[in-house]
PDB file of N, CA and C in Angstrom:
ATOM      1  N   UNK A   1       0.772  -1.229   0.124  1.00  0.00           N
ATOM      2  CA  UNK A   1      -0.072  -0.035  -0.049  1.00  0.00           C
ATOM      3  C   UNK A   1       0.854   1.304   0.079  1.00  0.00           C
ATOM      4  N   UNK A   2       0.652   2.149  -0.926  1.00  0.00           N
ATOM      5  CA  UNK A   2       1.500   3.406  -1.007  1.00  0.00           C
ATOM      6  C   UNK A   2       0.866   4.423  -0.246  1.00  0.00           C
ATOM      7  N   UNK A   3       1.736   5.170   0.398  1.00  0.00           N
ATOM      8  CA  UNK A   3       1.436   6.334   1.173  1.00  0.00           C
ATOM      9  C   UNK A   3       0.947   7.466   0.424  1.00  0.00           C
ATOM     10  N   UNK A   4       0.166   8.326   0.923  1.00  0.00           N
ATOM     11  CA  UNK A   4      -0.300   9.567   0.254  1.00  0.00           C
ATOM     12  C   UNK A   4       0.821  10.571   0.041  1.00  0.00           C
ATOM     13  N   UNK A   5       0.973  11.180  -1.051  1.00  0.00           N
ATOM     14  CA  UNK A   5       2.210  12.133  -1.212  1.00  0.00           C
ATOM     15  C   UNK A   5       1.937  13.424  -0.350  1.00  0.00           C
ATOM     16  N   UNK A   6       2.986  13.753   0.155  1.00  0.00           N
ATOM     17  CA  UNK A   6       3.158  14.974   1.158  1.00  0.00           C
ATOM     18  C   UNK A   6       3.817  16.020   0.379  1.00  0.00           C
ATOM     19  N   UNK A   7       3.221  17.378   0.290  1.00  0.00           N
ATOM     20  CA  UNK A   7       3.941  18.379  -0.362  1.00  0.00           C
ATOM     21  C   UNK A   7       5.324  18.464   0.174  1.00  0.00           C
ATOM     22  N   UNK A   8       6.244  18.526  -0.796  1.00  0.00           N
ATOM     23  CA  UNK A   8       7.755  18.432  -0.522  1.00  0.00           C
ATOM     24  C   UNK A   8       8.465  19.534  -1.323  1.00  0.00           C
ATOM     25  N   UNK A   9       9.756  19.769  -0.767  1.00  0.00           N
ATOM     26  CA  UNK A   9      10.776  20.440  -1.599  1.00  0.00           C
ATOM     27  C   UNK A   9      11.833  19.583  -1.983  1.00  0.00           C
ATOM     28  N   UNK A  10      12.640  19.722  -2.866  1.00  0.00           N
ATOM     29  CA  UNK A  10      13.643  18.954  -3.257  1.00  0.00           C
ATOM     30  C   UNK A  10      14.887  19.649  -2.682  1.00  0.00           C
ATOM     31  N   UNK A  11      15.667  18.911  -1.815  1.00  0.00           N
ATOM     32  CA  UNK A  11      16.844  19.374  -1.142  1.00  0.00           C
ATOM     33  C   UNK A  11      18.025  18.488  -1.368  1.00  0.00           C
ATOM     34  N   UNK A  12      19.300  19.070  -1.154  1.00  0.00           N
ATOM     35  CA  UNK A  12      20.462  18.381  -1.249  1.00  0.00           C
ATOM     36  C   UNK A  12      21.538  19.114  -0.478  1.00  0.00           C
ATOM     37  N   UNK A  13      22.709  18.701  -0.670  1.00  0.00           N
ATOM     38  CA  UNK A  13      23.858  19.415  -0.150  1.00  0.00           C
ATOM     39  C   UNK A  13      24.828  19.954  -1.516  1.00  0.00           C
ATOM     40  N   UNK A  14      25.311  21.111  -1.538  1.00  0.00           N
ATOM     41  CA  UNK A  14      26.208  21.432  -2.598  1.00  0.00           C
ATOM     42  C   UNK A  14      27.478  20.692  -2.274  1.00  0.00           C
ATOM     43  N   UNK A  15      27.904  20.086  -3.396  1.00  0.00           N
ATOM     44  CA  UNK A  15      29.107  19.191  -3.386  1.00  0.00           C
ATOM     45  C   UNK A  15      30.405  19.950  -3.066  1.00  0.00           C
ATOM     46  N   UNK A  16      30.450  21.239  -3.544  1.00  0.00           N
ATOM     47  CA  UNK A  16      31.815  21.996  -3.397  1.00  0.00           C
ATOM     48  C   UNK A  16      31.901  22.596  -1.935  1.00  0.00           C
ATOM     49  N   UNK A  17      30.706  23.166  -1.508  1.00  0.00           N
ATOM     50  CA  UNK A  17      30.786  23.861  -0.128  1.00  0.00           C
ATOM     51  C   UNK A  17      29.902  23.237   0.957  1.00  0.00           C
ATOM     52  N   UNK A  18      29.099  22.245   0.749  1.00  0.00           N
ATOM     53  CA  UNK A  18      28.421  21.569   1.640  1.00  0.00           C
ATOM     54  C   UNK A  18      27.120  22.296   2.099  1.00  0.00           C
ATOM     55  N   UNK A  19      26.845  23.552   1.654  1.00  0.00           N
ATOM     56  CA  UNK A  19      25.518  24.164   1.740  1.00  0.00           C
ATOM     57  C   UNK A  19      24.470  23.455   1.637  1.00  0.00           C
ATOM     58  N   UNK A  20      23.285  23.513   2.428  1.00  0.00           N
ATOM     59  CA  UNK A  20      21.997  23.029   1.981  1.00  0.00           C
ATOM     60  C   UNK A  20      21.476  23.808   0.939  1.00  0.00           C
ATOM     61  N   UNK A  21      21.026  23.031  -0.142  1.00  0.00           N
ATOM     62  CA  UNK A  21      20.449  23.786  -1.375  1.00  0.00           C
ATOM     63  C   UNK A  21      18.957  23.116  -1.624  1.00  0.00           C
ATOM     64  N   UNK A  22      18.211  24.123  -2.310  1.00  0.00           N
ATOM     65  CA  UNK A  22      16.815  23.619  -2.752  1.00  0.00           C
ATOM     66  C   UNK A  22      16.706  23.966  -4.209  1.00  0.00           C
ATOM     67  N   UNK A  23      15.745  23.148  -4.720  1.00  0.00           N
ATOM     68  CA  UNK A  23      15.552  23.288  -6.233  1.00  0.00           C
ATOM     69  C   UNK A  23      14.308  24.451  -6.314  1.00  0.00           C
ATOM     70  N   UNK A  24      14.629  25.582  -6.995  1.00  0.00           N
ATOM     71  CA  UNK A  24      13.784  26.566  -7.197  1.00  0.00           C
ATOM     72  C   UNK A  24      12.888  26.425  -8.351  1.00  0.00           C
ATOM     73  N   UNK A  25      11.744  27.181  -8.519  1.00  0.00           N
ATOM     74  CA  UNK A  25      10.895  26.995  -9.661  1.00  0.00           C
ATOM     75  C   UNK A  25      11.656  27.187 -11.065  1.00  0.00           C
ATOM     76  N   UNK A  26      12.683  28.017 -11.067  1.00  0.00           N
ATOM     77  CA  UNK A  26      13.385  28.317 -12.224  1.00  0.00           C
ATOM     78  C   UNK A  26      14.290  27.205 -12.677  1.00  0.00           C
ATOM     79  N   UNK A  27      14.401  26.101 -11.862  1.00  0.00           N
ATOM     80  CA  UNK A  27      15.325  24.987 -12.058  1.00  0.00           C
ATOM     81  C   UNK A  27      16.652  25.099 -11.458  1.00  0.00           C
ATOM     82  N   UNK A  28      16.998  26.147 -11.054  1.00  0.00           N
ATOM     83  CA  UNK A  28      18.286  26.578 -10.333  1.00  0.00           C
ATOM     84  C   UNK A  28      18.299  26.144  -8.884  1.00  0.00           C
ATOM     85  N   UNK A  29      19.473  25.881  -8.374  1.00  0.00           N
ATOM     86  CA  UNK A  29      19.615  25.505  -6.982  1.00  0.00           C
ATOM     87  C   UNK A  29      19.731  26.652  -6.156  1.00  0.00           C
ATOM     88  N   UNK A  30      18.961  27.022  -5.063  1.00  0.00           N
ATOM     89  CA  UNK A  30      19.062  28.165  -4.194  1.00  0.00           C
ATOM     90  C   UNK A  30      19.355  27.672  -2.638  1.00  0.00           C
ATOM     91  N   UNK A  31      19.690  28.649  -1.818  1.00  0.00           N
ATOM     92  CA  UNK A  31      20.150  28.237  -0.497  1.00  0.00           C
ATOM     93  C   UNK A  31      19.033  28.763   0.453  1.00  0.00           C
ATOM     94  N   UNK A  32      18.003  29.344   0.030  1.00  0.00           N
ATOM     95  CA  UNK A  32      16.916  29.867   0.906  1.00  0.00           C
ATOM     96  C   UNK A  32      15.565  28.936   0.587  1.00  0.00           C
ATOM     97  N   UNK A  33      15.280  28.180   1.623  1.00  0.00           N
ATOM     98  CA  UNK A  33      14.073  27.400   1.571  1.00  0.00           C
ATOM     99  C   UNK A  33      12.867  28.100   1.095  1.00  0.00           C
ATOM    100  N   UNK A  34      12.601  29.468   1.463  1.00  0.00           N
ATOM    101  CA  UNK A  34      11.521  30.220   0.887  1.00  0.00           C
ATOM    102  C   UNK A  34      11.426  30.346  -0.487  1.00  0.00           C
ATOM    103  N   UNK A  35      12.639  30.097  -1.375  1.00  0.00           N
ATOM    104  CA  UNK A  35      12.761  30.283  -2.618  1.00  0.00           C
ATOM    105  C   UNK A  35      12.505  28.984  -3.440  1.00  0.00           C
ATOM    106  N   UNK A  36      12.273  27.838  -2.659  1.00  0.00           N
ATOM    107  CA  UNK A  36      12.173  26.510  -3.227  1.00  0.00           C
ATOM    108  C   UNK A  36      10.895  26.383  -3.943  1.00  0.00           C
ATOM    109  N   UNK A  37      10.951  25.416  -4.907  1.00  0.00           N
ATOM    110  CA  UNK A  37       9.591  24.957  -5.507  1.00  0.00           C
ATOM    111  C   UNK A  37       9.010  23.960  -4.558  1.00  0.00           C
ATOM    112  N   UNK A  38       7.800  24.226  -4.190  1.00  0.00           N
ATOM    113  CA  UNK A  38       6.886  23.418  -3.429  1.00  0.00           C
ATOM    114  C   UNK A  38       6.253  22.162  -4.389  1.00  0.00           C
ATOM    115  N   UNK A  39       6.663  21.135  -4.351  1.00  0.00           N
ATOM    116  CA  UNK A  39       6.083  19.898  -5.217  1.00  0.00           C
ATOM    117  C   UNK A  39       4.708  19.512  -4.379  1.00  0.00           C
ATOM    118  N   UNK A  40       3.623  19.535  -5.255  1.00  0.00           N
ATOM    119  CA  UNK A  40       2.415  19.025  -4.707  1.00  0.00           C
ATOM    120  C   UNK A  40       1.896  17.750  -5.421  1.00  0.00           C
ATOM    121  N   UNK A  41       2.731  17.361  -6.466  1.00  0.00           N
ATOM    122  CA  UNK A  41       2.386  16.165  -7.450  1.00  0.00           C
ATOM    123  C   UNK A  41       3.473  15.184  -7.303  1.00  0.00           C
ATOM    124  N   UNK A  42       3.161  13.941  -6.864  1.00  0.00           N
ATOM    125  CA  UNK A  42       4.167  12.866  -6.605  1.00  0.00           C
ATOM    126  C   UNK A  42       4.955  12.679  -7.990  1.00  0.00           C
ATOM    127  N   UNK A  43       4.451  12.643  -8.955  1.00  0.00           N
ATOM    128  CA  UNK A  43       5.013  12.353 -10.265  1.00  0.00           C
ATOM    129  C   UNK A  43       6.014  13.463 -10.613  1.00  0.00           C
ATOM    130  N   UNK A  44       5.723  14.615 -10.566  1.00  0.00           N
ATOM    131  CA  UNK A  44       6.651  15.846 -10.783  1.00  0.00           C
ATOM    132  C   UNK A  44       7.842  15.738  -9.723  1.00  0.00           C
ATOM    133  N   UNK A  45       7.554  15.583  -8.558  1.00  0.00           N
ATOM    134  CA  UNK A  45       8.558  15.351  -7.577  1.00  0.00           C
ATOM    135  C   UNK A  45       9.503  14.293  -7.900  1.00  0.00           C
ATOM    136  N   UNK A  46       8.986  13.129  -8.190  1.00  0.00           N
ATOM    137  CA  UNK A  46       9.833  11.992  -8.473  1.00  0.00           C
ATOM    138  C   UNK A  46      10.782  12.232  -9.662  1.00  0.00           C
ATOM    139  N   UNK A  47      10.228  12.961 -10.742  1.00  0.00           N
ATOM    140  CA  UNK A  47      10.931  13.295 -11.990  1.00  0.00           C
ATOM    141  C   UNK A  47      12.161  14.359 -11.579  1.00  0.00           C
ATOM    142  N   UNK A  48      11.809  15.169 -10.685  1.00  0.00           N
ATOM    143  CA  UNK A  48      12.902  16.200 -10.317  1.00  0.00           C
ATOM    144  C   UNK A  48      13.806  15.524  -9.470  1.00  0.00           C
ATOM    145  N   UNK A  49      13.573  14.625  -8.787  1.00  0.00           N
ATOM    146  CA  UNK A  49      14.475  13.801  -7.729  1.00  0.00           C
ATOM    147  C   UNK A  49      15.395  13.033  -8.657  1.00  0.00           C
ATOM    148  N   UNK A  50      14.811  12.492  -9.740  1.00  0.00           N
ATOM    149  CA  UNK A  50      15.724  11.660 -10.677  1.00  0.00           C
ATOM    150  C   UNK A  50      16.703  12.611 -11.444  1.00  0.00           C
ATOM    151  N   UNK A  51      16.195  13.788 -11.777  1.00  0.00           N
ATOM    152  CA  UNK A  51      17.183  14.781 -12.485  1.00  0.00           C
ATOM    153  C   UNK A  51      18.263  15.160 -11.475  1.00  0.00           C
ATOM    154  N   UNK A  52      17.809  15.448 -10.241  1.00  0.00           N
ATOM    155  CA  UNK A  52      18.930  15.778  -9.224  1.00  0.00           C
ATOM    156  C   UNK A  52      19.749  14.754  -8.879  1.00  0.00           C
ATOM    157  N   UNK A  53      19.464  13.455  -8.905  1.00  0.00           N
ATOM    158  CA  UNK A  53      20.397  12.343  -8.664  1.00  0.00           C
ATOM    159  C   UNK A  53      21.419  12.147  -9.835  1.00  0.00           C
ATOM    160  N   UNK A  54      21.168  12.848 -10.940  1.00  0.00           N
ATOM    161  CA  UNK A  54      21.984  12.798 -12.194  1.00  0.00           C
ATOM    162  C   UNK A  54      22.966  14.006 -12.066  1.00  0.00           C
ATOM    163  N   UNK A  55      22.923  14.733 -11.109  1.00  0.00           N
ATOM    164  CA  UNK A  55      23.905  16.004 -10.902  1.00  0.00           C
ATOM    165  C   UNK A  55      24.972  15.552  -9.953  1.00  0.00           C
ATOM    166  N   UNK A  56      25.607  14.580  -9.982  1.00  0.00           N
ATOM    167  CA  UNK A  56      26.642  14.088  -9.053  1.00  0.00           C
ATOM    168  C   UNK A  56      27.905  15.031  -9.056  1.00  0.00           C
ATOM    169  N   UNK A  57      28.034  15.827 -10.099  1.00  0.00           N
ATOM    170  CA  UNK A  57      29.065  16.746 -10.083  1.00  0.00           C
ATOM    171  C   UNK A  57      28.784  17.961  -9.282  1.00  0.00           C
ATOM    172  N   UNK A  58      27.504  18.136  -8.905  1.00  0.00           N
ATOM    173  CA  UNK A  58      26.935  19.429  -8.312  1.00  0.00           C
ATOM    174  C   UNK A  58      26.496  19.315  -6.958  1.00  0.00           C
ATOM    175  N   UNK A  59      25.907  18.199  -6.691  1.00  0.00           N
ATOM    176  CA  UNK A  59      25.259  17.995  -5.272  1.00  0.00           C
ATOM    177  C   UNK A  59      25.363  16.562  -4.844  1.00  0.00           C
ATOM    178  N   UNK A  60      25.064  16.395  -3.573  1.00  0.00           N
ATOM    179  CA  UNK A  60      24.921  15.105  -2.934  1.00  0.00           C
ATOM    180  C   UNK A  60      23.799  14.981  -2.075  1.00  0.00           C
ATOM    181  N   UNK A  61      23.253  13.892  -1.872  1.00  0.00           N
ATOM    182  CA  UNK A  61      22.381  13.601  -1.047  1.00  0.00           C
ATOM    183  C   UNK A  61      20.874  14.110  -1.258  1.00  0.00           C
ATOM    184  N   UNK A  62      20.505  14.186  -2.479  1.00  0.00           N
ATOM    185  CA  UNK A  62      19.289  14.601  -2.877  1.00  0.00           C
ATOM    186  C   UNK A  62      18.124  13.928  -2.204  1.00  0.00           C
ATOM    187  N   UNK A  63      17.115  14.499  -1.783  1.00  0.00           N
ATOM    188  CA  UNK A  63      15.811  13.848  -1.243  1.00  0.00           C
ATOM    189  C   UNK A  63      14.750  14.909  -1.186  1.00  0.00           C
ATOM    190  N   UNK A  64      13.465  14.374  -1.237  1.00  0.00           N
ATOM    191  CA  UNK A  64      12.339  15.123  -0.994  1.00  0.00           C
ATOM    192  C   UNK A  64      12.071  15.307   0.481  1.00  0.00           C
ATOM    193  N   UNK A  65      11.894  16.552   0.878  1.00  0.00           N
ATOM    194  CA  UNK A  65      11.725  16.870   2.175  1.00  0.00           C
ATOM    195  C   UNK A  65      10.197  17.427   2.569  1.00  0.00           C
ATOM    196  N   UNK A  66       9.541  16.955   3.328  1.00  0.00           N
ATOM    197  CA  UNK A  66       8.268  17.564   3.694  1.00  0.00           C
ATOM    198  C   UNK A  66       8.318  19.028   3.884  1.00  0.00           C
ATOM    199  N   UNK A  67       7.300  19.677   3.256  1.00  0.00           N
ATOM    200  CA  UNK A  67       7.199  21.117   3.435  1.00  0.00           C
ATOM    201  C   UNK A  67       5.727  21.700   3.326  1.00  0.00           C
ATOM    202  N   UNK A  68       5.568  22.791   3.706  1.00  0.00           N
ATOM    203  CA  UNK A  68       4.129  23.314   3.575  1.00  0.00           C
ATOM    204  C   UNK A  68       4.177  24.688   3.053  1.00  0.00           C
ATOM    205  N   UNK A  69       3.140  25.151   2.523  1.00  0.00           N
ATOM    206  CA  UNK A  69       3.040  26.511   2.142  1.00  0.00           C
ATOM    207  C   UNK A  69       3.209  27.480   3.253  1.00  0.00           C
ATOM    208  N   UNK A  70       3.890  28.480   3.251  1.00  0.00           N
ATOM    209  CA  UNK A  70       4.123  29.464   4.265  1.00  0.00           C
ATOM    210  C   UNK A  70       3.780  30.828   3.682  1.00  0.00           C
ATOM    211  N   UNK A  71       3.890  31.858   4.440  1.00  0.00           N
ATOM    212  CA  UNK A  71       3.438  33.285   3.929  1.00  0.00           C
ATOM    213  C   UNK A  71       4.616  33.728   2.938  1.00  0.00           C
ATOM    214  N   UNK A  72       5.793  33.339   3.177  1.00  0.00           N
ATOM    215  CA  UNK A  72       6.940  33.766   2.347  1.00  0.00           C
ATOM    216  C   UNK A  72       7.577  32.723   1.311  1.00  0.00           C
ATOM    217  N   UNK A  73       6.651  31.611   1.212  1.00  0.00           N
ATOM    218  CA  UNK A  73       7.134  30.480   0.341  1.00  0.00           C
ATOM    219  C   UNK A  73       7.065  29.367   1.272  1.00  0.00           C
ATOM    220  N   UNK A  74       7.843  28.259   0.754  1.00  0.00           N
ATOM    221  CA  UNK A  74       7.659  26.942   1.434  1.00  0.00           C
ATOM    222  C   UNK A  74       8.311  27.106   2.821  1.00  0.00           C
ATOM    223  N   UNK A  75       7.786  26.274   3.650  1.00  0.00           N
ATOM    224  CA  UNK A  75       8.291  26.314   5.189  1.00  0.00           C
ATOM    225  C   UNK A  75       8.399  24.906   5.532  1.00  0.00           C
ATOM    226  N   UNK A  76       9.357  24.575   6.502  1.00  0.00           N
ATOM    227  CA  UNK A  76       9.688  23.253   6.736  1.00  0.00           C
ATOM    228  C   UNK A  76       8.455  22.378   7.375  1.00  0.00           C
ATOM    229  N   UNK A  77       8.298  21.252   6.939  1.00  0.00           N
ATOM    230  CA  UNK A  77       7.341  20.290   7.406  1.00  0.00           C
ATOM    231  C   UNK A  77       7.890  19.501   8.511  1.00  0.00           C
ATOM    232  N   UNK A  78       9.005  19.555   8.808  1.00  0.00           N
ATOM    233  CA  UNK A  78       9.653  18.606   9.836  1.00  0.00           C
ATOM    234  C   UNK A  78      10.660  19.334  10.528  1.00  0.00           C
ATOM    235  N   UNK A  79      10.840  18.988  11.902  1.00  0.00           N
ATOM    236  CA  UNK A  79      11.847  19.678  12.595  1.00  0.00           C
ATOM    237  C   UNK A  79      13.345  19.485  12.029  1.00  0.00           C
ATOM    238  N   UNK A  80      13.670  18.484  11.416  1.00  0.00           N
ATOM    239  CA  UNK A  80      14.908  18.246  10.768  1.00  0.00           C
ATOM    240  C   UNK A  80      15.194  19.224   9.743  1.00  0.00           C
ATOM    241  N   UNK A  81      14.033  19.533   8.881  1.00  0.00           N
ATOM    242  CA  UNK A  81      14.224  20.516   7.831  1.00  0.00           C
ATOM    243  C   UNK A  81      14.399  21.926   8.325  1.00  0.00           C
ATOM    244  N   UNK A  82      13.631  22.215   9.402  1.00  0.00           N
ATOM    245  CA  UNK A  82      13.864  23.585  10.133  1.00  0.00           C
ATOM    246  C   UNK A  82      15.217  23.695  10.616  1.00  0.00           C
ATOM    247  N   UNK A  83      15.738  22.715  11.177  1.00  0.00           N
ATOM    248  CA  UNK A  83      17.203  22.700  11.508  1.00  0.00           C
ATOM    249  C   UNK A  83      18.208  22.928  10.492  1.00  0.00           C
ATOM    250  N   UNK A  84      17.914  22.139   9.342  1.00  0.00           N
ATOM    251  CA  UNK A  84      18.884  22.328   8.157  1.00  0.00           C
ATOM    252  C   UNK A  84      18.853  23.636   7.535  1.00  0.00           C
ATOM    253  N   UNK A  85      17.680  24.179   7.591  1.00  0.00           N
ATOM    254  CA  UNK A  85      17.470  25.630   6.943  1.00  0.00           C
ATOM    255  C   UNK A  85      18.231  26.648   7.525  1.00  0.00           C
ATOM    256  N   UNK A  86      18.481  26.327   8.821  1.00  0.00           N
ATOM    257  CA  UNK A  86      19.208  27.453   9.596  1.00  0.00           C
ATOM    258  C   UNK A  86      20.629  27.456   9.411  1.00  0.00           C
ATOM    259  N   UNK A  87      21.189  26.513   8.738  1.00  0.00           N
ATOM    260  CA  UNK A  87      22.691  26.475   8.417  1.00  0.00           C
ATOM    261  C   UNK A  87      23.552  25.540   9.478  1.00  0.00           C
ATOM    262  N   UNK A  88      24.747  25.430   9.259  1.00  0.00           N
ATOM    263  CA  UNK A  88      25.553  24.669  10.095  1.00  0.00           C
ATOM    264  C   UNK A  88      25.545  25.114  11.546  1.00  0.00           C
ATOM    265  N   UNK A  89      25.491  24.087  12.423  1.00  0.00           N
ATOM    266  CA  UNK A  89      25.188  24.205  13.798  1.00  0.00           C
ATOM    267  C   UNK A  89      26.578  24.179  14.691  1.00  0.00           C
ATOM    268  N   UNK A  90      27.793  23.719  13.917  1.00  0.00           N
ATOM    269  CA  UNK A  90      29.010  23.688  14.782  1.00  0.00           C
ATOM    270  C   UNK A  90      29.688  24.819  15.097  1.00  0.00           C
ATOM    271  N   UNK A  91      29.420  25.831  14.588  1.00  0.00           N
ATOM    272  CA  UNK A  91      30.006  27.205  14.832  1.00  0.00           C
ATOM    273  C   UNK A  91      29.325  28.338  13.928  1.00  0.00           C
ATOM    274  N   UNK A  92      29.529  29.526  14.274  1.00  0.00           N
ATOM    275  CA  UNK A  92      28.695  30.667  13.662  1.00  0.00           C
ATOM    276  C   UNK A  92      29.507  30.964  12.386  1.00  0.00           C
ATOM    277  N   UNK A  93      28.950  30.537  11.192  1.00  0.00           N
ATOM    278  CA  UNK A  93      29.470  30.964  10.035  1.00  0.00           C
ATOM    279  C   UNK A  93      28.287  30.767   8.903  1.00  0.00           C
ATOM    280  N   UNK A  94      28.357  31.282   7.774  1.00  0.00           N
ATOM    281  CA  UNK A  94      27.476  31.097   6.763  1.00  0.00           C
ATOM    282  C   UNK A  94      26.094  31.862   7.116  1.00  0.00           C
ATOM    283  N   UNK A  95      24.889  31.158   7.084  1.00  0.00           N
ATOM    284  CA  UNK A  95      23.705  31.755   7.500  1.00  0.00           C
ATOM    285  C   UNK A  95      23.676  32.179   8.923  1.00  0.00           C
ATOM    286  N   UNK A  96      24.408  31.464   9.930  1.00  0.00           N
ATOM    287  CA  UNK A  96      24.419  31.950  11.184  1.00  0.00           C
ATOM    288  C   UNK A  96      25.112  33.208  11.496  1.00  0.00           C
ATOM    289  N   UNK A  97      26.232  33.475  10.701  1.00  0.00           N
ATOM    290  CA  UNK A  97      26.877  34.747  10.943  1.00  0.00           C
ATOM    291  C   UNK A  97      26.086  35.937  10.515  1.00  0.00           C
ATOM    292  N   UNK A  98      25.176  35.856   9.635  1.00  0.00           N
ATOM    293  CA  UNK A  98      24.223  36.828   9.027  1.00  0.00           C
ATOM    294  C   UNK A  98      23.266  37.183  10.117  1.00  0.00           C
ATOM    295  N   UNK A  99      22.837  36.408  11.117  1.00  0.00           N
ATOM    296  CA  UNK A  99      21.779  36.603  12.088  1.00  0.00           C
ATOM    297  C   UNK A  99      22.241  37.649  13.094  1.00  0.00           C
TER     298      UNK A  99
END
C-alpha cells in the first residue's frame, strides 16, 4: 500500500561547499528554503528527484523533504528541515553569521 504524497521540496547539499540547497521554480539551486519549489504532485517530484540524482558533479544527498506553504514561500514540514534551513550548527558562519 503506497502512502499519500506529502507536499515536498527537493533538497540536497552543494558538493563543493556543503551548503544546504533547494530546487527553485526556475530549475536553479538556491540556498533559501522560501525560494524553493513546493511539489504537490508525486510524479513531478519523482522526476525532479531523478534529475537531481544525475547531478553528481554538483550536489550530494538529494531527497524530497516534507514542506508546507508559508506566507513567504515553502516552510519546513519537519523539525529536521527547520534545523537544516538554519545552516551549520557547529560554529557561527554562513547563514548563522548573518543573524
